[in-house]
Every structure is written in structure tokens, then in C-alpha cells.
PDB file of N, CA and C in Angstrom:
ATOM      1  N   UNK A   1      31.585 116.616 106.635  1.00  0.00           N
ATOM      2  CA  UNK A   1      30.863 117.878 106.773  1.00  0.00           C
ATOM      3  C   UNK A   1      31.898 118.930 107.082  1.00  0.00           C
ATOM      4  N   UNK A   2      32.023 119.840 106.303  1.00  0.00           N
ATOM      5  CA  UNK A   2      32.947 120.887 106.488  1.00  0.00           C
ATOM      6  C   UNK A   2      32.321 122.212 106.142  1.00  0.00           C
ATOM      7  N   UNK A   3      32.799 123.209 106.611  1.00  0.00           N
ATOM      8  CA  UNK A   3      32.349 124.479 106.310  1.00  0.00           C
ATOM      9  C   UNK A   3      33.137 125.182 105.199  1.00  0.00           C
ATOM     10  N   UNK A   4      32.601 126.180 104.748  1.00  0.00           N
ATOM     11  CA  UNK A   4      33.204 126.952 103.640  1.00  0.00           C
ATOM     12  C   UNK A   4      34.713 127.208 103.827  1.00  0.00           C
ATOM     13  N   UNK A   5      35.088 127.829 104.820  1.00  0.00           N
ATOM     14  CA  UNK A   5      36.366 128.240 104.981  1.00  0.00           C
ATOM     15  C   UNK A   5      37.335 127.047 105.338  1.00  0.00           C
ATOM     16  N   UNK A   6      36.755 126.110 106.023  1.00  0.00           N
ATOM     17  CA  UNK A   6      37.572 124.957 106.301  1.00  0.00           C
ATOM     18  C   UNK A   6      38.157 124.488 105.012  1.00  0.00           C
ATOM     19  N   UNK A   7      37.302 124.361 104.090  1.00  0.00           N
ATOM     20  CA  UNK A   7      37.782 123.820 102.769  1.00  0.00           C
ATOM     21  C   UNK A   7      38.670 124.876 102.182  1.00  0.00           C
ATOM     22  N   UNK A   8      38.321 126.127 102.286  1.00  0.00           N
ATOM     23  CA  UNK A   8      39.055 127.186 101.712  1.00  0.00           C
ATOM     24  C   UNK A   8      40.530 127.066 102.183  1.00  0.00           C
ATOM     25  N   UNK A   9      40.700 126.816 103.462  1.00  0.00           N
ATOM     26  CA  UNK A   9      41.994 126.866 103.959  1.00  0.00           C
ATOM     27  C   UNK A   9      42.595 125.524 104.402  1.00  0.00           C
ATOM     28  N   UNK A  10      41.875 124.561 104.064  1.00  0.00           N
ATOM     29  CA  UNK A  10      42.490 123.256 104.270  1.00  0.00           C
ATOM     30  C   UNK A  10      43.611 123.325 103.354  1.00  0.00           C
ATOM     31  N   UNK A  11      43.567 124.355 102.625  1.00  0.00           N
ATOM     32  CA  UNK A  11      44.710 124.744 101.791  1.00  0.00           C
ATOM     33  C   UNK A  11      45.122 123.585 100.883  1.00  0.00           C
ATOM     34  N   UNK A  12      45.774 122.822 101.430  1.00  0.00           N
ATOM     35  CA  UNK A  12      46.315 121.691 100.643  1.00  0.00           C
ATOM     36  C   UNK A  12      45.793 120.437 100.997  1.00  0.00           C
ATOM     37  N   UNK A  13      44.725 120.469 101.814  1.00  0.00           N
ATOM     38  CA  UNK A  13      44.165 119.197 102.234  1.00  0.00           C
ATOM     39  C   UNK A  13      43.289 118.647 101.210  1.00  0.00           C
ATOM     40  N   UNK A  14      42.897 119.486 100.289  1.00  0.00           N
ATOM     41  CA  UNK A  14      42.052 119.007  99.166  1.00  0.00           C
ATOM     42  C   UNK A  14      42.887 119.092  97.861  1.00  0.00           C
ATOM     43  N   UNK A  15      42.399 118.427  96.851  1.00  0.00           N
ATOM     44  CA  UNK A  15      43.093 118.434  95.609  1.00  0.00           C
ATOM     45  C   UNK A  15      42.119 118.276  94.464  1.00  0.00           C
ATOM     46  N   UNK A  16      42.598 118.213  93.240  1.00  0.00           N
ATOM     47  CA  UNK A  16      41.742 118.015  92.121  1.00  0.00           C
ATOM     48  C   UNK A  16      40.912 116.776  92.274  1.00  0.00           C
ATOM     49  N   UNK A  17      39.669 116.915  91.917  1.00  0.00           N
ATOM     50  CA  UNK A  17      38.781 115.750  91.947  1.00  0.00           C
ATOM     51  C   UNK A  17      39.139 114.784  90.845  1.00  0.00           C
ATOM     52  N   UNK A  18      39.193 113.491  91.221  1.00  0.00           N
ATOM     53  CA  UNK A  18      39.362 112.503  90.172  1.00  0.00           C
ATOM     54  C   UNK A  18      38.140 111.627  90.222  1.00  0.00           C
ATOM     55  N   UNK A  19      38.239 110.444  89.642  1.00  0.00           N
ATOM     56  CA  UNK A  19      37.076 109.632  89.523  1.00  0.00           C
ATOM     57  C   UNK A  19      36.140 109.567  90.742  1.00  0.00           C
ATOM     58  N   UNK A  20      36.623 109.111  91.908  1.00  0.00           N
ATOM     59  CA  UNK A  20      35.764 108.989  92.980  1.00  0.00           C
ATOM     60  C   UNK A  20      36.249 109.799  94.162  1.00  0.00           C
ATOM     61  N   UNK A  21      37.498 109.813  94.482  1.00  0.00           N
ATOM     62  CA  UNK A  21      37.994 110.481  95.633  1.00  0.00           C
ATOM     63  C   UNK A  21      38.997 111.548  95.134  1.00  0.00           C
ATOM     64  N   UNK A  22      39.160 112.636  96.034  1.00  0.00           N
ATOM     65  CA  UNK A  22      40.235 113.573  95.739  1.00  0.00           C
ATOM     66  C   UNK A  22      41.533 112.820  95.980  1.00  0.00           C
ATOM     67  N   UNK A  23      42.580 113.272  95.276  1.00  0.00           N
ATOM     68  CA  UNK A  23      43.888 112.658  95.464  1.00  0.00           C
ATOM     69  C   UNK A  23      44.364 112.744  96.935  1.00  0.00           C
ATOM     70  N   UNK A  24      45.162 111.812  97.415  1.00  0.00           N
ATOM     71  CA  UNK A  24      45.675 111.912  98.750  1.00  0.00           C
ATOM     72  C   UNK A  24      47.062 112.553  98.751  1.00  0.00           C
ATOM     73  N   UNK A  25      47.454 113.077  97.636  1.00  0.00           N
ATOM     74  CA  UNK A  25      48.770 113.754  97.529  1.00  0.00           C
ATOM     75  C   UNK A  25      48.953 114.760  98.672  1.00  0.00           C
ATOM     76  N   UNK A  26      47.905 115.457  98.991  1.00  0.00           N
ATOM     77  CA  UNK A  26      47.986 116.595  99.982  1.00  0.00           C
ATOM     78  C   UNK A  26      47.784 116.210 101.419  1.00  0.00           C
ATOM     79  N   UNK A  27      47.558 114.846 101.614  1.00  0.00           N
ATOM     80  CA  UNK A  27      47.379 114.340 102.931  1.00  0.00           C
ATOM     81  C   UNK A  27      48.593 114.485 103.798  1.00  0.00           C
ATOM     82  N   UNK A  28      49.729 114.671 103.208  1.00  0.00           N
ATOM     83  CA  UNK A  28      50.968 114.698 103.910  1.00  0.00           C
ATOM     84  C   UNK A  28      51.577 116.032 104.114  1.00  0.00           C
ATOM     85  N   UNK A  29      50.801 117.117 103.822  1.00  0.00           N
ATOM     86  CA  UNK A  29      51.307 118.476 104.068  1.00  0.00           C
ATOM     87  C   UNK A  29      50.992 118.854 105.440  1.00  0.00           C
ATOM     88  N   UNK A  30      51.913 119.606 106.031  1.00  0.00           N
ATOM     89  CA  UNK A  30      51.782 120.072 107.371  1.00  0.00           C
ATOM     90  C   UNK A  30      50.862 121.320 107.452  1.00  0.00           C
ATOM     91  N   UNK A  31      49.547 121.084 107.744  1.00  0.00           N
ATOM     92  CA  UNK A  31      48.595 122.168 107.835  1.00  0.00           C
ATOM     93  C   UNK A  31      48.946 123.187 108.902  1.00  0.00           C
ATOM     94  N   UNK A  32      49.461 122.709 110.032  1.00  0.00           N
ATOM     95  CA  UNK A  32      49.849 123.555 111.172  1.00  0.00           C
ATOM     96  C   UNK A  32      50.899 124.609 110.692  1.00  0.00           C
ATOM     97  N   UNK A  33      51.850 124.164 109.970  1.00  0.00           N
ATOM     98  CA  UNK A  33      52.936 125.073 109.402  1.00  0.00           C
ATOM     99  C   UNK A  33      52.246 126.193 108.568  1.00  0.00           C
ATOM    100  N   UNK A  34      51.286 125.899 107.773  1.00  0.00           N
ATOM    101  CA  UNK A  34      50.564 126.855 106.930  1.00  0.00           C
ATOM    102  C   UNK A  34      49.834 127.833 107.773  1.00  0.00           C
ATOM    103  N   UNK A  35      49.117 127.330 108.748  1.00  0.00           N
ATOM    104  CA  UNK A  35      48.317 128.155 109.621  1.00  0.00           C
ATOM    105  C   UNK A  35      49.124 129.041 110.540  1.00  0.00           C
ATOM    106  N   UNK A  36      50.276 128.682 110.862  1.00  0.00           N
ATOM    107  CA  UNK A  36      51.189 129.426 111.678  1.00  0.00           C
ATOM    108  C   UNK A  36      51.992 130.462 110.934  1.00  0.00           C
ATOM    109  N   UNK A  37      52.028 130.321 109.594  1.00  0.00           N
ATOM    110  CA  UNK A  37      52.767 131.286 108.778  1.00  0.00           C
ATOM    111  C   UNK A  37      51.837 132.288 108.152  1.00  0.00           C
ATOM    112  N   UNK A  38      51.974 133.553 108.552  1.00  0.00           N
ATOM    113  CA  UNK A  38      51.132 134.543 107.946  1.00  0.00           C
ATOM    114  C   UNK A  38      51.349 134.743 106.474  1.00  0.00           C
ATOM    115  N   UNK A  39      52.597 134.520 106.052  1.00  0.00           N
ATOM    116  CA  UNK A  39      52.894 134.579 104.641  1.00  0.00           C
ATOM    117  C   UNK A  39      52.219 133.467 103.806  1.00  0.00           C
ATOM    118  N   UNK A  40      52.340 132.248 104.260  1.00  0.00           N
ATOM    119  CA  UNK A  40      51.747 131.123 103.566  1.00  0.00           C
ATOM    120  C   UNK A  40      50.180 131.195 103.587  1.00  0.00           C
ATOM    121  N   UNK A  41      49.642 131.548 104.712  1.00  0.00           N
ATOM    122  CA  UNK A  41      48.159 131.667 104.851  1.00  0.00           C
ATOM    123  C   UNK A  41      47.700 132.740 103.963  1.00  0.00           C
ATOM    124  N   UNK A  42      48.335 133.911 103.972  1.00  0.00           N
ATOM    125  CA  UNK A  42      47.973 135.036 103.135  1.00  0.00           C
ATOM    126  C   UNK A  42      48.009 134.622 101.616  1.00  0.00           C
ATOM    127  N   UNK A  43      49.000 133.889 101.232  1.00  0.00           N
ATOM    128  CA  UNK A  43      49.089 133.465  99.851  1.00  0.00           C
ATOM    129  C   UNK A  43      47.865 132.586  99.438  1.00  0.00           C
ATOM    130  N   UNK A  44      47.481 131.685 100.293  1.00  0.00           N
ATOM    131  CA  UNK A  44      46.352 130.828  99.933  1.00  0.00           C
ATOM    132  C   UNK A  44      45.036 131.596  99.925  1.00  0.00           C
ATOM    133  N   UNK A  45      44.870 132.471 100.894  1.00  0.00           N
ATOM    134  CA  UNK A  45      43.661 133.274 100.948  1.00  0.00           C
ATOM    135  C   UNK A  45      43.631 134.196  99.801  1.00  0.00           C
ATOM    136  N   UNK A  46      44.731 134.875  99.414  1.00  0.00           N
ATOM    137  CA  UNK A  46      44.785 135.747  98.234  1.00  0.00           C
ATOM    138  C   UNK A  46      44.369 134.968  96.996  1.00  0.00           C
ATOM    139  N   UNK A  47      44.904 133.804  96.869  1.00  0.00           N
ATOM    140  CA  UNK A  47      44.550 132.946  95.741  1.00  0.00           C
ATOM    141  C   UNK A  47      43.031 132.662  95.706  1.00  0.00           C
ATOM    142  N   UNK A  48      42.507 132.237  96.824  1.00  0.00           N
ATOM    143  CA  UNK A  48      41.081 131.881  96.901  1.00  0.00           C
ATOM    144  C   UNK A  48      40.165 133.061  96.639  1.00  0.00           C
ATOM    145  N   UNK A  49      40.693 134.274  97.017  1.00  0.00           N
ATOM    146  CA  UNK A  49      39.889 135.549  96.773  1.00  0.00           C
ATOM    147  C   UNK A  49      40.177 136.233  95.476  1.00  0.00           C
ATOM    148  N   UNK A  50      40.953 135.613  94.629  1.00  0.00           N
ATOM    149  CA  UNK A  50      41.249 136.176  93.327  1.00  0.00           C
ATOM    150  C   UNK A  50      42.028 137.527  93.419  1.00  0.00           C
ATOM    151  N   UNK A  51      42.848 137.606  94.462  1.00  0.00           N
ATOM    152  CA  UNK A  51      43.602 138.838  94.548  1.00  0.00           C
ATOM    153  C   UNK A  51      45.098 138.556  94.577  1.00  0.00           C
ATOM    154  N   UNK A  52      45.493 137.435  94.191  1.00  0.00           N
ATOM    155  CA  UNK A  52      46.895 137.073  94.128  1.00  0.00           C
ATOM    156  C   UNK A  52      47.166 135.847  93.254  1.00  0.00           C
ATOM    157  N   UNK A  53      48.347 135.537  92.999  1.00  0.00           N
ATOM    158  CA  UNK A  53      48.704 134.371  92.173  1.00  0.00           C
ATOM    159  C   UNK A  53      48.420 133.130  92.976  1.00  0.00           C
ATOM    160  N   UNK A  54      48.124 132.020  92.321  1.00  0.00           N
ATOM    161  CA  UNK A  54      47.861 130.710  92.926  1.00  0.00           C
ATOM    162  C   UNK A  54      49.060 129.785  92.640  1.00  0.00           C
ATOM    163  N   UNK A  55      49.476 129.102  93.739  1.00  0.00           N
ATOM    164  CA  UNK A  55      50.359 127.975  93.515  1.00  0.00           C
ATOM    165  C   UNK A  55      49.559 126.839  92.933  1.00  0.00           C
ATOM    166  N   UNK A  56      50.168 125.815  92.543  1.00  0.00           N
ATOM    167  CA  UNK A  56      49.466 124.643  92.010  1.00  0.00           C
ATOM    168  C   UNK A  56      48.498 124.074  93.099  1.00  0.00           C
ATOM    169  N   UNK A  57      48.915 123.994  94.314  1.00  0.00           N
ATOM    170  CA  UNK A  57      48.116 123.591  95.414  1.00  0.00           C
ATOM    171  C   UNK A  57      46.957 124.559  95.638  1.00  0.00           C
ATOM    172  N   UNK A  58      47.187 125.839  95.611  1.00  0.00           N
ATOM    173  CA  UNK A  58      46.150 126.828  95.782  1.00  0.00           C
ATOM    174  C   UNK A  58      45.107 126.723  94.702  1.00  0.00           C
ATOM    175  N   UNK A  59      45.547 126.504  93.467  1.00  0.00           N
ATOM    176  CA  UNK A  59      44.600 126.370  92.365  1.00  0.00           C
ATOM    177  C   UNK A  59      43.736 125.050  92.520  1.00  0.00           C
ATOM    178  N   UNK A  60      44.397 124.016  92.934  1.00  0.00           N
ATOM    179  CA  UNK A  60      43.660 122.760  93.165  1.00  0.00           C
ATOM    180  C   UNK A  60      42.601 122.974  94.181  1.00  0.00           C
ATOM    181  N   UNK A  61      42.958 123.621  95.266  1.00  0.00           N
ATOM    182  CA  UNK A  61      42.001 123.920  96.331  1.00  0.00           C
ATOM    183  C   UNK A  61      40.827 124.801  95.865  1.00  0.00           C
ATOM    184  N   UNK A  62      41.137 125.808  95.129  1.00  0.00           N
ATOM    185  CA  UNK A  62      40.145 126.737  94.558  1.00  0.00           C
ATOM    186  C   UNK A  62      39.230 126.004  93.644  1.00  0.00           C
ATOM    187  N   UNK A  63      39.759 125.094  92.793  1.00  0.00           N
ATOM    188  CA  UNK A  63      38.944 124.275  91.862  1.00  0.00           C
ATOM    189  C   UNK A  63      38.082 123.277  92.564  1.00  0.00           C
ATOM    190  N   UNK A  64      38.567 122.760  93.711  1.00  0.00           N
ATOM    191  CA  UNK A  64      37.852 121.650  94.393  1.00  0.00           C
ATOM    192  C   UNK A  64      36.895 122.105  95.420  1.00  0.00           C
ATOM    193  N   UNK A  65      37.100 123.343  95.935  1.00  0.00           N
ATOM    194  CA  UNK A  65      36.271 123.802  97.054  1.00  0.00           C
ATOM    195  C   UNK A  65      34.792 123.816  96.781  1.00  0.00           C
ATOM    196  N   UNK A  66      34.267 124.298  95.676  1.00  0.00           N
ATOM    197  CA  UNK A  66      32.841 124.291  95.458  1.00  0.00           C
ATOM    198  C   UNK A  66      32.258 122.855  95.528  1.00  0.00           C
ATOM    199  N   UNK A  67      32.910 121.883  94.926  1.00  0.00           N
ATOM    200  CA  UNK A  67      32.385 120.539  94.965  1.00  0.00           C
ATOM    201  C   UNK A  67      32.434 119.975  96.383  1.00  0.00           C
ATOM    202  N   UNK A  68      33.534 120.271  97.102  1.00  0.00           N
ATOM    203  CA  UNK A  68      33.629 119.747  98.437  1.00  0.00           C
ATOM    204  C   UNK A  68      32.543 120.351  99.349  1.00  0.00           C
ATOM    205  N   UNK A  69      32.230 121.607  99.232  1.00  0.00           N
ATOM    206  CA  UNK A  69      31.229 122.233  99.988  1.00  0.00           C
ATOM    207  C   UNK A  69      29.876 121.613  99.682  1.00  0.00           C
ATOM    208  N   UNK A  70      29.547 121.539  98.447  1.00  0.00           N
ATOM    209  CA  UNK A  70      28.247 121.132  98.005  1.00  0.00           C
ATOM    210  C   UNK A  70      28.025 119.620  98.368  1.00  0.00           C
ATOM    211  N   UNK A  71      29.013 118.832  98.357  1.00  0.00           N
ATOM    212  CA  UNK A  71      28.814 117.398  98.612  1.00  0.00           C
ATOM    213  C   UNK A  71      29.343 116.955  99.893  1.00  0.00           C
ATOM    214  N   UNK A  72      29.327 117.771 100.847  1.00  0.00           N
ATOM    215  CA  UNK A  72      29.782 117.389 102.196  1.00  0.00           C
ATOM    216  C   UNK A  72      31.127 116.775 102.327  1.00  0.00           C
ATOM    217  N   UNK A  73      32.045 117.113 101.421  1.00  0.00           N
ATOM    218  CA  UNK A  73      33.361 116.551 101.432  1.00  0.00           C
ATOM    219  C   UNK A  73      33.322 115.031 101.267  1.00  0.00           C
ATOM    220  N   UNK A  74      32.342 114.567 100.559  1.00  0.00           N
ATOM    221  CA  UNK A  74      32.250 113.118 100.390  1.00  0.00           C
ATOM    222  C   UNK A  74      33.351 112.482  99.656  1.00  0.00           C
ATOM    223  N   UNK A  75      34.114 113.240  98.851  1.00  0.00           N
ATOM    224  CA  UNK A  75      35.346 112.740  98.194  1.00  0.00           C
ATOM    225  C   UNK A  75      36.623 113.006  98.880  1.00  0.00           C
ATOM    226  N   UNK A  76      36.542 113.536 100.102  1.00  0.00           N
ATOM    227  CA  UNK A  76      37.740 113.778 100.893  1.00  0.00           C
ATOM    228  C   UNK A  76      38.235 112.534 101.605  1.00  0.00           C
ATOM    229  N   UNK A  77      39.519 112.458 101.770  1.00  0.00           N
ATOM    230  CA  UNK A  77      40.068 111.384 102.545  1.00  0.00           C
ATOM    231  C   UNK A  77      39.866 111.751 104.071  1.00  0.00           C
ATOM    232  N   UNK A  78      40.044 110.794 104.989  1.00  0.00           N
ATOM    233  CA  UNK A  78      39.896 111.125 106.399  1.00  0.00           C
ATOM    234  C   UNK A  78      40.889 112.154 106.837  1.00  0.00           C
ATOM    235  N   UNK A  79      42.124 112.082 106.293  1.00  0.00           N
ATOM    236  CA  UNK A  79      43.122 113.107 106.584  1.00  0.00           C
ATOM    237  C   UNK A  79      42.750 114.475 106.149  1.00  0.00           C
ATOM    238  N   UNK A  80      42.116 114.562 104.989  1.00  0.00           N
ATOM    239  CA  UNK A  80      41.650 115.879 104.547  1.00  0.00           C
ATOM    240  C   UNK A  80      40.521 116.410 105.382  1.00  0.00           C
ATOM    241  N   UNK A  81      39.687 115.517 105.893  1.00  0.00           N
ATOM    242  CA  UNK A  81      38.614 115.921 106.817  1.00  0.00           C
ATOM    243  C   UNK A  81      39.176 116.483 108.114  1.00  0.00           C
ATOM    244  N   UNK A  82      40.180 115.809 108.612  1.00  0.00           N
ATOM    245  CA  UNK A  82      40.874 116.219 109.850  1.00  0.00           C
ATOM    246  C   UNK A  82      41.499 117.603 109.628  1.00  0.00           C
ATOM    247  N   UNK A  83      42.220 117.809 108.517  1.00  0.00           N
ATOM    248  CA  UNK A  83      42.788 119.068 108.159  1.00  0.00           C
ATOM    249  C   UNK A  83      41.791 120.177 108.117  1.00  0.00           C
ATOM    250  N   UNK A  84      40.616 119.813 107.456  1.00  0.00           N
ATOM    251  CA  UNK A  84      39.573 120.847 107.362  1.00  0.00           C
ATOM    252  C   UNK A  84      39.050 121.263 108.753  1.00  0.00           C
ATOM    253  N   UNK A  85      38.923 120.333 109.625  1.00  0.00           N
ATOM    254  CA  UNK A  85      38.476 120.677 110.976  1.00  0.00           C
ATOM    255  C   UNK A  85      39.469 121.573 111.634  1.00  0.00           C
ATOM    256  N   UNK A  86      40.751 121.342 111.493  1.00  0.00           N
ATOM    257  CA  UNK A  86      41.795 122.136 112.062  1.00  0.00           C
ATOM    258  C   UNK A  86      41.791 123.540 111.498  1.00  0.00           C
ATOM    259  N   UNK A  87      41.589 123.610 110.223  1.00  0.00           N
ATOM    260  CA  UNK A  87      41.476 124.932 109.584  1.00  0.00           C
ATOM    261  C   UNK A  87      40.267 125.711 110.046  1.00  0.00           C
ATOM    262  N   UNK A  88      39.117 125.074 110.180  1.00  0.00           N
ATOM    263  CA  UNK A  88      37.897 125.622 110.627  1.00  0.00           C
ATOM    264  C   UNK A  88      38.107 126.285 111.994  1.00  0.00           C
ATOM    265  N   UNK A  89      38.641 125.523 112.934  1.00  0.00           N
ATOM    266  CA  UNK A  89      38.925 126.022 114.310  1.00  0.00           C
ATOM    267  C   UNK A  89      39.816 127.206 114.283  1.00  0.00           C
ATOM    268  N   UNK A  90      40.893 127.141 113.511  1.00  0.00           N
ATOM    269  CA  UNK A  90      41.852 128.200 113.452  1.00  0.00           C
ATOM    270  C   UNK A  90      41.205 129.548 112.890  1.00  0.00           C
ATOM    271  N   UNK A  91      40.466 129.387 111.860  1.00  0.00           N
ATOM    272  CA  UNK A  91      39.870 130.615 111.244  1.00  0.00           C
ATOM    273  C   UNK A  91      38.845 131.244 112.144  1.00  0.00           C
ATOM    274  N   UNK A  92      38.003 130.393 112.751  1.00  0.00           N
ATOM    275  CA  UNK A  92      36.955 130.913 113.613  1.00  0.00           C
ATOM    276  C   UNK A  92      37.518 131.464 114.906  1.00  0.00           C
ATOM    277  N   UNK A  93      38.491 130.933 115.425  1.00  0.00           N
ATOM    278  CA  UNK A  93      38.979 131.409 116.745  1.00  0.00           C
ATOM    279  C   UNK A  93      40.180 132.385 116.638  1.00  0.00           C
ATOM    280  N   UNK A  94      40.914 132.389 115.529  1.00  0.00           N
ATOM    281  CA  UNK A  94      42.054 133.258 115.472  1.00  0.00           C
ATOM    282  C   UNK A  94      42.049 134.199 114.275  1.00  0.00           C
ATOM    283  N   UNK A  95      41.321 133.947 113.215  1.00  0.00           N
ATOM    284  CA  UNK A  95      41.360 134.741 112.027  1.00  0.00           C
ATOM    285  C   UNK A  95      39.997 135.062 111.473  1.00  0.00           C
ATOM    286  N   UNK A  96      39.110 135.632 112.328  1.00  0.00           N
ATOM    287  CA  UNK A  96      37.725 135.955 111.935  1.00  0.00           C
ATOM    288  C   UNK A  96      37.704 136.828 110.638  1.00  0.00           C
ATOM    289  N   UNK A  97      38.723 137.684 110.524  1.00  0.00           N
ATOM    290  CA  UNK A  97      38.755 138.541 109.350  1.00  0.00           C
ATOM    291  C   UNK A  97      38.813 137.718 108.068  1.00  0.00           C
ATOM    292  N   UNK A  98      39.645 136.695 108.019  1.00  0.00           N
ATOM    293  CA  UNK A  98      39.714 135.825 106.851  1.00  0.00           C
ATOM    294  C   UNK A  98      38.521 135.005 106.741  1.00  0.00           C
ATOM    295  N   UNK A  99      38.000 134.490 107.833  1.00  0.00           N
ATOM    296  CA  UNK A  99      36.733 133.675 107.753  1.00  0.00           C
ATOM    297  C   UNK A  99      35.620 134.429 107.099  1.00  0.00           C
ATOM    298  N   UNK A 100      35.440 135.713 107.436  1.00  0.00           N
ATOM    299  CA  UNK A 100      34.388 136.507 106.897  1.00  0.00           C
ATOM    300  C   UNK A 100      34.617 136.802 105.436  1.00  0.00           C
ATOM    301  N   UNK A 101      35.806 137.142 105.066  1.00  0.00           N
ATOM    302  CA  UNK A 101      36.098 137.361 103.652  1.00  0.00           C
ATOM    303  C   UNK A 101      35.818 136.191 102.746  1.00  0.00           C
ATOM    304  N   UNK A 102      36.270 134.999 103.169  1.00  0.00           N
ATOM    305  CA  UNK A 102      36.077 133.838 102.475  1.00  0.00           C
ATOM    306  C   UNK A 102      34.582 133.399 102.413  1.00  0.00           C
ATOM    307  N   UNK A 103      33.865 133.620 103.507  1.00  0.00           N
ATOM    308  CA  UNK A 103      32.471 133.337 103.526  1.00  0.00           C
ATOM    309  C   UNK A 103      31.679 134.195 102.515  1.00  0.00           C
ATOM    310  N   UNK A 104      32.051 135.455 102.402  1.00  0.00           N
ATOM    311  CA  UNK A 104      31.397 136.319 101.445  1.00  0.00           C
ATOM    312  C   UNK A 104      31.551 135.774 100.049  1.00  0.00           C
ATOM    313  N   UNK A 105      32.680 135.326  99.690  1.00  0.00           N
ATOM    314  CA  UNK A 105      32.932 134.772  98.351  1.00  0.00           C
ATOM    315  C   UNK A 105      32.356 133.447  98.128  1.00  0.00           C
ATOM    316  N   UNK A 106      32.597 132.497  99.066  1.00  0.00           N
ATOM    317  CA  UNK A 106      32.150 131.160  98.805  1.00  0.00           C
ATOM    318  C   UNK A 106      30.832 130.666  99.418  1.00  0.00           C
ATOM    319  N   UNK A 107      30.244 131.636 100.141  1.00  0.00           N
ATOM    320  CA  UNK A 107      28.894 131.364 100.702  1.00  0.00           C
ATOM    321  C   UNK A 107      28.101 132.660 100.841  1.00  0.00           C
ATOM    322  N   UNK A 108      27.935 133.336  99.698  1.00  0.00           N
ATOM    323  CA  UNK A 108      27.225 134.601  99.826  1.00  0.00           C
ATOM    324  C   UNK A 108      25.767 134.532 100.305  1.00  0.00           C
ATOM    325  N   UNK A 109      25.135 133.395 100.095  1.00  0.00           N
ATOM    326  CA  UNK A 109      23.751 133.171 100.523  1.00  0.00           C
ATOM    327  C   UNK A 109      23.603 132.456 101.893  1.00  0.00           C
ATOM    328  N   UNK A 110      24.735 132.226 102.485  1.00  0.00           N
ATOM    329  CA  UNK A 110      24.782 131.631 103.841  1.00  0.00           C
ATOM    330  C   UNK A 110      24.253 130.213 103.814  1.00  0.00           C
ATOM    331  N   UNK A 111      24.386 129.603 102.700  1.00  0.00           N
ATOM    332  CA  UNK A 111      23.856 128.201 102.575  1.00  0.00           C
ATOM    333  C   UNK A 111      24.714 127.209 103.407  1.00  0.00           C
ATOM    334  N   UNK A 112      26.001 127.291 103.130  1.00  0.00           N
ATOM    335  CA  UNK A 112      26.917 126.293 103.845  1.00  0.00           C
ATOM    336  C   UNK A 112      27.100 126.540 105.279  1.00  0.00           C
ATOM    337  N   UNK A 113      27.124 127.775 105.669  1.00  0.00           N
ATOM    338  CA  UNK A 113      27.237 128.081 107.138  1.00  0.00           C
ATOM    339  C   UNK A 113      26.008 127.569 107.892  1.00  0.00           C
ATOM    340  N   UNK A 114      24.849 127.654 107.216  1.00  0.00           N
ATOM    341  CA  UNK A 114      23.659 127.111 107.903  1.00  0.00           C
ATOM    342  C   UNK A 114      23.713 125.552 107.866  1.00  0.00           C
ATOM    343  N   UNK A 115      24.175 125.012 106.763  1.00  0.00           N
ATOM    344  CA  UNK A 115      24.310 123.529 106.657  1.00  0.00           C
ATOM    345  C   UNK A 115      25.230 122.956 107.682  1.00  0.00           C
ATOM    346  N   UNK A 116      26.330 123.663 107.908  1.00  0.00           N
ATOM    347  CA  UNK A 116      27.325 123.186 108.873  1.00  0.00           C
ATOM    348  C   UNK A 116      27.283 123.897 110.191  1.00  0.00           C
ATOM    349  N   UNK A 117      26.183 124.514 110.525  1.00  0.00           N
ATOM    350  CA  UNK A 117      26.029 125.352 111.721  1.00  0.00           C
ATOM    351  C   UNK A 117      26.547 124.667 113.010  1.00  0.00           C
ATOM    352  N   UNK A 118      26.194 123.411 113.184  1.00  0.00           N
ATOM    353  CA  UNK A 118      26.619 122.685 114.412  1.00  0.00           C
ATOM    354  C   UNK A 118      28.135 122.531 114.472  1.00  0.00           C
ATOM    355  N   UNK A 119      28.686 122.228 113.311  1.00  0.00           N
ATOM    356  CA  UNK A 119      30.190 122.118 113.351  1.00  0.00           C
ATOM    357  C   UNK A 119      30.850 123.451 113.622  1.00  0.00           C
ATOM    358  N   UNK A 120      30.291 124.520 113.060  1.00  0.00           N
ATOM    359  CA  UNK A 120      30.857 125.820 113.183  1.00  0.00           C
ATOM    360  C   UNK A 120      30.762 126.279 114.691  1.00  0.00           C
ATOM    361  N   UNK A 121      29.627 125.990 115.280  1.00  0.00           N
ATOM    362  CA  UNK A 121      29.364 126.376 116.685  1.00  0.00           C
ATOM    363  C   UNK A 121      30.303 125.614 117.519  1.00  0.00           C
ATOM    364  N   UNK A 122      30.498 124.267 117.298  1.00  0.00           N
ATOM    365  CA  UNK A 122      31.515 123.482 118.114  1.00  0.00           C
ATOM    366  C   UNK A 122      32.909 124.042 117.986  1.00  0.00           C
ATOM    367  N   UNK A 123      33.262 124.494 116.801  1.00  0.00           N
ATOM    368  CA  UNK A 123      34.636 125.044 116.616  1.00  0.00           C
ATOM    369  C   UNK A 123      34.875 126.285 117.401  1.00  0.00           C
ATOM    370  N   UNK A 124      33.845 127.102 117.578  1.00  0.00           N
ATOM    371  CA  UNK A 124      33.941 128.337 118.341  1.00  0.00           C
ATOM    372  C   UNK A 124      34.247 128.037 119.826  1.00  0.00           C
ATOM    373  N   UNK A 125      33.884 126.911 120.297  1.00  0.00           N
ATOM    374  CA  UNK A 125      34.091 126.583 121.762  1.00  0.00           C
ATOM    375  C   UNK A 125      35.280 125.700 121.965  1.00  0.00           C
ATOM    376  N   UNK A 126      36.064 125.502 120.998  1.00  0.00           N
ATOM    377  CA  UNK A 126      37.340 124.650 121.153  1.00  0.00           C
ATOM    378  C   UNK A 126      38.538 125.469 121.216  1.00  0.00           C
TER     379      UNK A 126
END
């Protein structure tokens, strides 16, 4: 169970969907490094919001995000789910501006934020 932006900025924690699971290629990326770097974080957000170029990882995230949101990240590895939780907490607690922008694009009807309301509320208190 992940929320919109979690997946949005799991950044590299998700990848192209293949037969059953998303590839684990991105399980070994340092999500903390991306979240701590304004430049890297901005690059991924700009990609997701169609206002900048996408790296191959950014494109993979952008392509995978709708499926991950809709299917409760059922194709995610455990490591990807952990990364998604970390991104969720970071965005909610430190980057509300990005959280809101990504939510407008990826959840305009507030479907996923309602679906993952418990997880979102828990992240606000961590």
C-alpha cells in the first residue's frame, strides 16, 4: 500500500513492469541520497510532472506509477515498498509543495489519497 507520491518519488524504487514483478534492479539505489539532493529530487519531480527531461530511471518510474498506485504496489519488491514508505514520509513532512503538485497530477480525484489515508496520516506523525 503506497500513496501517490510515494511511488512518484520512490524514484528509482520502481521499474518497468515485467511478467509478475517489477524488476529489482532499482532495489540497490540509495533513496536517501536522492531525497537529500535538491538537484536529483527536482529532476525526478520535473520528469514526473512533464516539465523536464527524464532519465531512464525517471521514465521507468513514470511508466510504472499508475499501475503501482492502482494495484497497491502488488508487483513491488519488499525493498521498493520500504523505499516508497521513506519517500512518503519525506514528502509529507519536508516537501509538501512537491507532494501537492504530484497529487494534482497523479490523483486529481483524490482516489489514492483516500485509499491510503491511514498510511498518509501515519507518515505525518513520524
